[in-house]
Amino acid sequence: MSSQTNDPRQPSAAKPFKPPPVAPQDLPIDYSGFIAVIFGVFGAMFRYKVCSWLAIIFSAQSLANMRNMENDLKQISMAMMFGIMGLMTNYLGVGPRGSKKT
């Protein structure tokens, strides 16, 4: 056991850590937002239901982890719109037409 009198630390000199400010253009890429846009485009263009659902899920994840309000909100809203548009065309759109056999 060491005694408290030999402790070289000074509690009065301790300062809380403050992270340095980071410019918005220097922030790392939001991969979940980028993946949401890619899945949203695939879901809307190629009519893949799974891709549209994944676009909605990844855009919700990106919304929860948003760092830069201005740039990220544009990307998230675009991904969400592609996902919703893909879901609407898949579930409410005109399906494939079968040929009539007479």
N, C-alpha and C. Protein backbone atom coordinates (compact mmCIF):
# COMPACT_ATOMS: atom_id res chain seq x y z
N MET A 1 0.83 -1.18 0.00
CA MET A 1 0.00 0.00 0.00
C MET A 1 0.88 1.25 0.00
N SER A 2 0.59 2.15 -0.89
CA SER A 2 1.35 3.41 -0.91
C SER A 2 0.59 4.44 -0.10
N SER A 3 1.31 5.31 0.43
CA SER A 3 0.67 6.35 1.23
C SER A 3 0.22 7.49 0.33
N GLN A 4 -0.77 8.22 0.76
CA GLN A 4 -1.32 9.32 -0.02
C GLN A 4 -0.39 10.52 -0.07
N THR A 5 0.56 10.61 0.80
CA THR A 5 1.45 11.78 0.82
C THR A 5 2.48 11.71 -0.29
N ASN A 6 2.79 10.54 -0.83
CA ASN A 6 3.79 10.40 -1.88
C ASN A 6 3.17 10.46 -3.29
N ASP A 7 1.90 10.77 -3.40
CA ASP A 7 1.21 10.80 -4.69
C ASP A 7 1.60 12.08 -5.45
N PRO A 8 2.24 11.95 -6.65
CA PRO A 8 2.69 13.15 -7.37
C PRO A 8 1.58 13.84 -8.17
N ARG A 9 0.40 13.24 -8.29
CA ARG A 9 -0.67 13.86 -9.08
C ARG A 9 -1.26 15.06 -8.35
N GLN A 10 -1.72 16.03 -9.14
CA GLN A 10 -2.32 17.24 -8.57
C GLN A 10 -3.76 17.35 -9.08
N PRO A 11 -4.73 17.04 -8.26
CA PRO A 11 -6.13 17.09 -8.72
C PRO A 11 -6.58 18.50 -9.09
N SER A 12 -5.97 19.52 -8.52
CA SER A 12 -6.39 20.88 -8.84
C SER A 12 -5.92 21.30 -10.24
N ALA A 13 -4.91 20.64 -10.80
CA ALA A 13 -4.40 21.00 -12.12
C ALA A 13 -5.08 20.20 -13.24
N ALA A 14 -5.96 19.28 -12.92
CA ALA A 14 -6.63 18.45 -13.92
C ALA A 14 -7.68 19.28 -14.66
N LYS A 15 -7.72 19.12 -15.99
CA LYS A 15 -8.68 19.83 -16.83
C LYS A 15 -9.47 18.80 -17.63
N PRO A 16 -10.76 19.00 -17.82
CA PRO A 16 -11.53 18.05 -18.64
C PRO A 16 -11.10 18.13 -20.10
N PHE A 17 -11.17 17.00 -20.78
CA PHE A 17 -10.77 16.92 -22.19
C PHE A 17 -11.82 17.58 -23.07
N LYS A 18 -11.37 18.44 -23.97
CA LYS A 18 -12.25 19.07 -24.95
C LYS A 18 -11.73 18.69 -26.33
N PRO A 19 -12.53 17.95 -27.11
CA PRO A 19 -12.05 17.57 -28.45
C PRO A 19 -11.91 18.80 -29.33
N PRO A 20 -10.91 18.80 -30.21
CA PRO A 20 -10.74 19.96 -31.10
C PRO A 20 -11.88 20.04 -32.09
N PRO A 21 -12.28 21.25 -32.46
CA PRO A 21 -13.37 21.37 -33.44
C PRO A 21 -12.93 20.88 -34.81
N VAL A 22 -13.87 20.20 -35.50
CA VAL A 22 -13.59 19.64 -36.82
C VAL A 22 -14.51 20.31 -37.83
N ALA A 23 -13.94 20.72 -38.95
CA ALA A 23 -14.73 21.36 -40.01
C ALA A 23 -15.67 20.32 -40.64
N PRO A 24 -16.86 20.75 -41.11
CA PRO A 24 -17.81 19.77 -41.69
C PRO A 24 -17.25 19.02 -42.89
N GLN A 25 -16.39 19.65 -43.68
CA GLN A 25 -15.84 18.94 -44.84
C GLN A 25 -14.77 17.94 -44.45
N ASP A 26 -14.26 18.01 -43.22
CA ASP A 26 -13.25 17.08 -42.75
C ASP A 26 -13.83 15.88 -42.01
N LEU A 27 -15.15 15.83 -41.84
CA LEU A 27 -15.78 14.71 -41.16
C LEU A 27 -15.69 13.45 -42.03
N PRO A 28 -15.63 12.27 -41.42
CA PRO A 28 -15.58 11.04 -42.24
C PRO A 28 -16.90 10.83 -42.99
N ILE A 29 -16.84 10.01 -44.02
CA ILE A 29 -18.01 9.75 -44.87
C ILE A 29 -19.06 8.98 -44.07
N ASP A 30 -20.32 9.36 -44.29
CA ASP A 30 -21.43 8.65 -43.66
C ASP A 30 -21.77 7.45 -44.55
N TYR A 31 -21.18 6.30 -44.20
CA TYR A 31 -21.34 5.11 -45.05
C TYR A 31 -22.78 4.61 -45.06
N SER A 32 -23.47 4.69 -43.94
CA SER A 32 -24.85 4.19 -43.93
C SER A 32 -25.75 5.06 -44.82
N GLY A 33 -25.50 6.35 -44.89
CA GLY A 33 -26.27 7.21 -45.79
C GLY A 33 -25.97 6.92 -47.24
N PHE A 34 -24.71 6.66 -47.55
CA PHE A 34 -24.32 6.33 -48.92
C PHE A 34 -24.92 5.00 -49.35
N ILE A 35 -24.88 4.02 -48.47
CA ILE A 35 -25.47 2.71 -48.77
C ILE A 35 -26.98 2.84 -48.92
N ALA A 36 -27.61 3.71 -48.14
CA ALA A 36 -29.05 3.92 -48.26
C ALA A 36 -29.42 4.49 -49.62
N VAL A 37 -28.61 5.41 -50.12
CA VAL A 37 -28.88 5.97 -51.45
C VAL A 37 -28.73 4.90 -52.53
N ILE A 38 -27.68 4.10 -52.43
CA ILE A 38 -27.46 3.05 -53.42
C ILE A 38 -28.61 2.04 -53.41
N PHE A 39 -29.01 1.58 -52.23
CA PHE A 39 -30.12 0.63 -52.14
C PHE A 39 -31.43 1.28 -52.61
N GLY A 40 -31.62 2.55 -52.31
CA GLY A 40 -32.84 3.23 -52.74
C GLY A 40 -32.94 3.32 -54.25
N VAL A 41 -31.83 3.63 -54.90
CA VAL A 41 -31.82 3.69 -56.37
C VAL A 41 -32.08 2.31 -56.97
N PHE A 42 -31.41 1.29 -56.44
CA PHE A 42 -31.64 -0.07 -56.95
C PHE A 42 -33.08 -0.52 -56.71
N GLY A 43 -33.62 -0.18 -55.56
CA GLY A 43 -35.00 -0.57 -55.27
C GLY A 43 -36.00 0.12 -56.17
N ALA A 44 -35.75 1.38 -56.49
CA ALA A 44 -36.70 2.12 -57.33
C ALA A 44 -36.54 1.75 -58.80
N MET A 45 -35.31 1.57 -59.26
CA MET A 45 -35.09 1.32 -60.69
C MET A 45 -35.33 -0.14 -61.08
N PHE A 46 -34.87 -1.05 -60.26
CA PHE A 46 -34.96 -2.46 -60.61
C PHE A 46 -36.10 -3.19 -59.91
N ARG A 47 -36.88 -2.45 -59.13
CA ARG A 47 -38.05 -2.99 -58.43
C ARG A 47 -37.71 -4.14 -57.49
N TYR A 48 -36.67 -3.94 -56.69
CA TYR A 48 -36.29 -4.93 -55.67
C TYR A 48 -36.87 -4.47 -54.34
N LYS A 49 -37.76 -5.27 -53.78
CA LYS A 49 -38.38 -4.91 -52.51
C LYS A 49 -37.37 -4.89 -51.38
N VAL A 50 -36.45 -5.84 -51.39
CA VAL A 50 -35.45 -5.93 -50.32
C VAL A 50 -34.56 -4.69 -50.31
N CYS A 51 -34.17 -4.23 -51.49
CA CYS A 51 -33.33 -3.04 -51.56
C CYS A 51 -34.06 -1.81 -51.05
N SER A 52 -35.34 -1.70 -51.35
CA SER A 52 -36.11 -0.56 -50.85
C SER A 52 -36.23 -0.59 -49.33
N TRP A 53 -36.47 -1.76 -48.78
CA TRP A 53 -36.54 -1.87 -47.32
C TRP A 53 -35.19 -1.58 -46.67
N LEU A 54 -34.11 -2.06 -47.28
CA LEU A 54 -32.78 -1.77 -46.75
C LEU A 54 -32.45 -0.29 -46.84
N ALA A 55 -32.93 0.38 -47.88
CA ALA A 55 -32.72 1.82 -47.99
C ALA A 55 -33.41 2.57 -46.85
N ILE A 56 -34.61 2.15 -46.50
CA ILE A 56 -35.33 2.77 -45.38
C ILE A 56 -34.58 2.52 -44.07
N ILE A 57 -34.11 1.30 -43.87
CA ILE A 57 -33.40 0.96 -42.63
C ILE A 57 -32.09 1.72 -42.52
N PHE A 58 -31.31 1.76 -43.59
CA PHE A 58 -30.03 2.47 -43.54
C PHE A 58 -30.22 3.98 -43.42
N SER A 59 -31.27 4.52 -44.00
CA SER A 59 -31.50 5.96 -43.85
C SER A 59 -31.94 6.29 -42.43
N ALA A 60 -32.67 5.40 -41.79
CA ALA A 60 -33.02 5.62 -40.38
C ALA A 60 -31.77 5.55 -39.50
N GLN A 61 -30.88 4.62 -39.81
CA GLN A 61 -29.62 4.54 -39.06
C GLN A 61 -28.77 5.79 -39.28
N SER A 62 -28.73 6.27 -40.49
CA SER A 62 -27.97 7.47 -40.79
C SER A 62 -28.58 8.69 -40.10
N LEU A 63 -29.91 8.73 -40.02
CA LEU A 63 -30.58 9.82 -39.33
C LEU A 63 -30.26 9.82 -37.84
N ALA A 64 -30.15 8.62 -37.26
CA ALA A 64 -29.84 8.52 -35.84
C ALA A 64 -28.40 8.93 -35.54
N ASN A 65 -27.48 8.73 -36.50
CA ASN A 65 -26.07 9.04 -36.30
C ASN A 65 -25.63 10.30 -37.03
N MET A 66 -26.55 11.21 -37.31
CA MET A 66 -26.26 12.39 -38.10
C MET A 66 -25.31 13.33 -37.37
N ARG A 67 -24.25 13.78 -38.08
CA ARG A 67 -23.27 14.69 -37.49
C ARG A 67 -23.41 16.10 -38.04
N ASN A 68 -23.52 16.21 -39.35
CA ASN A 68 -23.63 17.52 -39.99
C ASN A 68 -25.06 17.69 -40.46
N MET A 69 -25.78 18.62 -39.86
CA MET A 69 -27.21 18.75 -40.10
C MET A 69 -27.52 19.09 -41.56
N GLU A 70 -26.78 20.01 -42.14
CA GLU A 70 -27.13 20.50 -43.47
C GLU A 70 -26.89 19.46 -44.55
N ASN A 71 -25.68 18.92 -44.63
CA ASN A 71 -25.35 17.99 -45.71
C ASN A 71 -25.99 16.63 -45.51
N ASP A 72 -25.98 16.13 -44.28
CA ASP A 72 -26.51 14.80 -44.03
C ASP A 72 -28.02 14.74 -44.22
N LEU A 73 -28.72 15.82 -43.88
CA LEU A 73 -30.17 15.81 -44.01
C LEU A 73 -30.59 15.72 -45.48
N LYS A 74 -29.84 16.36 -46.36
CA LYS A 74 -30.14 16.26 -47.79
C LYS A 74 -29.96 14.83 -48.28
N GLN A 75 -28.87 14.22 -47.89
CA GLN A 75 -28.58 12.86 -48.33
C GLN A 75 -29.59 11.87 -47.75
N ILE A 76 -29.93 12.04 -46.49
CA ILE A 76 -30.88 11.12 -45.85
C ILE A 76 -32.27 11.27 -46.46
N SER A 77 -32.68 12.51 -46.72
CA SER A 77 -34.01 12.70 -47.30
C SER A 77 -34.08 12.13 -48.72
N MET A 78 -32.98 12.25 -49.49
CA MET A 78 -32.96 11.67 -50.83
C MET A 78 -33.04 10.15 -50.76
N ALA A 79 -32.29 9.54 -49.84
CA ALA A 79 -32.33 8.09 -49.69
C ALA A 79 -33.70 7.63 -49.23
N MET A 80 -34.31 8.37 -48.32
CA MET A 80 -35.64 8.00 -47.84
C MET A 80 -36.67 8.11 -48.95
N MET A 81 -36.58 9.14 -49.78
CA MET A 81 -37.52 9.28 -50.89
C MET A 81 -37.36 8.17 -51.92
N PHE A 82 -36.10 7.80 -52.22
CA PHE A 82 -35.90 6.68 -53.15
C PHE A 82 -36.46 5.39 -52.56
N GLY A 83 -36.26 5.17 -51.27
CA GLY A 83 -36.78 3.97 -50.64
C GLY A 83 -38.29 3.92 -50.64
N ILE A 84 -38.92 5.05 -50.31
CA ILE A 84 -40.39 5.11 -50.31
C ILE A 84 -40.93 4.97 -51.73
N MET A 85 -40.25 5.61 -52.69
CA MET A 85 -40.69 5.51 -54.08
C MET A 85 -40.57 4.06 -54.57
N GLY A 86 -39.50 3.38 -54.18
CA GLY A 86 -39.35 1.98 -54.56
C GLY A 86 -40.42 1.11 -53.94
N LEU A 87 -40.73 1.34 -52.66
CA LEU A 87 -41.78 0.55 -52.01
C LEU A 87 -43.14 0.80 -52.64
N MET A 88 -43.42 2.06 -52.99
CA MET A 88 -44.72 2.37 -53.59
C MET A 88 -44.85 1.73 -54.97
N THR A 89 -43.76 1.76 -55.75
CA THR A 89 -43.86 1.13 -57.07
C THR A 89 -43.94 -0.39 -56.95
N ASN A 90 -43.33 -0.96 -55.92
CA ASN A 90 -43.38 -2.42 -55.76
C ASN A 90 -44.73 -2.89 -55.26
N TYR A 91 -45.29 -2.20 -54.27
CA TYR A 91 -46.52 -2.68 -53.64
C TYR A 91 -47.79 -2.09 -54.25
N LEU A 92 -47.72 -0.87 -54.76
CA LEU A 92 -48.92 -0.23 -55.29
C LEU A 92 -48.90 -0.09 -56.81
N GLY A 93 -47.78 -0.33 -57.42
CA GLY A 93 -47.65 -0.15 -58.86
C GLY A 93 -48.30 -1.28 -59.65
N VAL A 94 -48.27 -1.10 -60.94
CA VAL A 94 -48.83 -2.11 -61.84
C VAL A 94 -47.88 -3.28 -61.91
N GLY A 95 -48.39 -4.46 -61.71
CA GLY A 95 -47.57 -5.65 -61.75
C GLY A 95 -47.36 -6.14 -63.17
N PRO A 96 -46.61 -7.21 -63.32
CA PRO A 96 -46.42 -7.76 -64.66
C PRO A 96 -47.74 -8.31 -65.21
N ARG A 97 -47.97 -8.04 -66.47
CA ARG A 97 -49.23 -8.49 -67.09
C ARG A 97 -49.01 -9.87 -67.73
N GLY A 98 -49.89 -10.74 -67.45
CA GLY A 98 -49.82 -12.07 -68.06
C GLY A 98 -50.51 -12.08 -69.42
N SER A 99 -50.07 -12.94 -70.26
CA SER A 99 -50.70 -13.03 -71.59
C SER A 99 -51.98 -13.87 -71.47
N LYS A 100 -53.00 -13.45 -72.17
CA LYS A 100 -54.26 -14.19 -72.15
C LYS A 100 -54.19 -15.35 -73.13
N LYS A 101 -54.60 -16.48 -72.66
CA LYS A 101 -54.63 -17.67 -73.52
C LYS A 101 -56.08 -17.92 -73.92
N THR A 102 -56.31 -17.89 -75.21
CA THR A 102 -57.68 -18.11 -75.68
C THR A 102 -57.80 -19.37 -76.49
